[in-house]
Amino acid sequence: MKLPVRMALPLAALAVATACAPGTSDNGSAGDDKSGTLRVWLFQEVNNQPKQKVVDAAVAAFEKSQKGADVKVEYIPVETRAEKIKAAFNDPKSAPDVIEYGNTDTAGYVKDGGLADVSKEFGAWSEAKDTDPTAEESVTVDGKIYGAPYFVGVRALYYRTDVFKDLKLDVPTTQTRLAAAARKIHKERPDLYGLAVGGAYTYGAMPFIWSQGGELAEKKGGSYESTIDSPAARKGIEAYTSLFGGDNCPAAKCAGMGGNDTVTAFASGKAGMAIGGDFSHQAMEDGKVKGEYAVVPLPGADKGDIAPAFAGGNNIGVLKSTSHRTLAVDLMKSLASKKTQGELFDAMGFLPTYTDVRASVAKKGPFVAPFIKTLGAGAKFVPASPAWGQIDASLVLPTMFQEIVSGRKDVATASRDAAKKMDTAFRTGG
């Protein structure tokens, strides 16, 4: 089964920063020791045990093949990664050798001088030839390779089949019907959020903006200009923020929630619906909703439309400051290998970045169908600027959503203020 993933995009669209780190004059490699301890930072998942089991197996195989090498893995929170990784770039002595990073991080991390150029090793790696071209772009900056693609991810709508059956609800086909279903669920089952939403869930909110024809920013000359306060974007912001309140997801509880929080709420049986990724599948299977949920593409504004989703994913990279470059590159390849990615799909539902492996797992994992359909309908991305790191780390969009749902500002004022902050970041370039 060949997956119809239409994620082709300009190089820079997948290579955006998460944070602007001040430069450092000495973050180059201190050597290439062929033994010793390698430190790895990977992202902490909602349910991390299945991922850790796969990683432990890959690490054990690596240590067996590399006599004298000892690997220490630390799992770090995704939400606070920016400052931690920035600090590592500026303090090579405390930095890890290998990191997992978001596919929107590449350009910023390269600009900060944190990632090693592994073009030669990637080009000679036999498995790399089967990498999805768009996934390969996510580790590419100015024609050079700065890591190995780890998985691709996209979000869709999870819903409780038992709740929908009990309340005689149809699966929503528009965002208006989605909102109506959410409110009915909460009215009839006040112990549940109708649709779990989060004021800090930027990637859950973006589809509402995009489905109304809004954009985050537009290219102007060599830079970007925010359009988050355009009429279309405001309409999408209003559609998303209207889901906060006593009739669905109370602002007092939901304003501070991020993506992991909404997934946890659904998996623990506290929500009738949630926007989650293919990578959230295992959390659901391990939760109270196992056997009582299904997934469909998130509906758009009009019937039959699929809301554009953010096409994300993560990569594995080697830090430029490592004193174990050869070992670190080999470990990177082990963690991002076909074998490991296949096992991560089985354990977590992560979509592999290799076309042949993805085709294979799709045959045994029918749950991926709505996510593939979402990708096929057309995914979207954040602005292709290193400044996005500053915008993201400064919580510009979460602050805007939270100001609106708390009643401190209306949509027009909050979006205008957010646009000003974004434009300042675009002008300074991170």
Foldseek 3Di string as FASTA:
>chain_A
DFFLFDPDDDLLQLAAAQAAADAAPDQFAPAADLADEAEEEEAAALDCVLVVVLLVVLQVVLCVVRPRYHYDYDHDHPQPVHVVLSVCSHPVVPHGFKYKFKLNRQNNCVVRQWFDFCQVVLVPDPQNVQFDVVQQSSQDDPRTGGFFFAFKKWKFKKFFQVLCVVLVHDDDQALVSLLVQQLVSCVVVVQAFAEQAALLAVQVLVLLLVLLVHAQWDDDVPFIAGRCLPPSNLRSLCSRLVSEPSSGNDLVGHLHDYQSRRLLCVQQPRYRMYIDMLLSVLSNCPGPRNPGMATAAHHGHDGPHGRAGAIMGMTMGGTSHHNNVVSSRVSSCSCRDLVSSLSSCVRGVGQHRGSVSNVVVCVVDVRCVRVSVSSSSPHRGHDSANLVSVLNSVSLSSVLSSCCSVVVDPSNVSSVVSSVVSVVSRVVRD
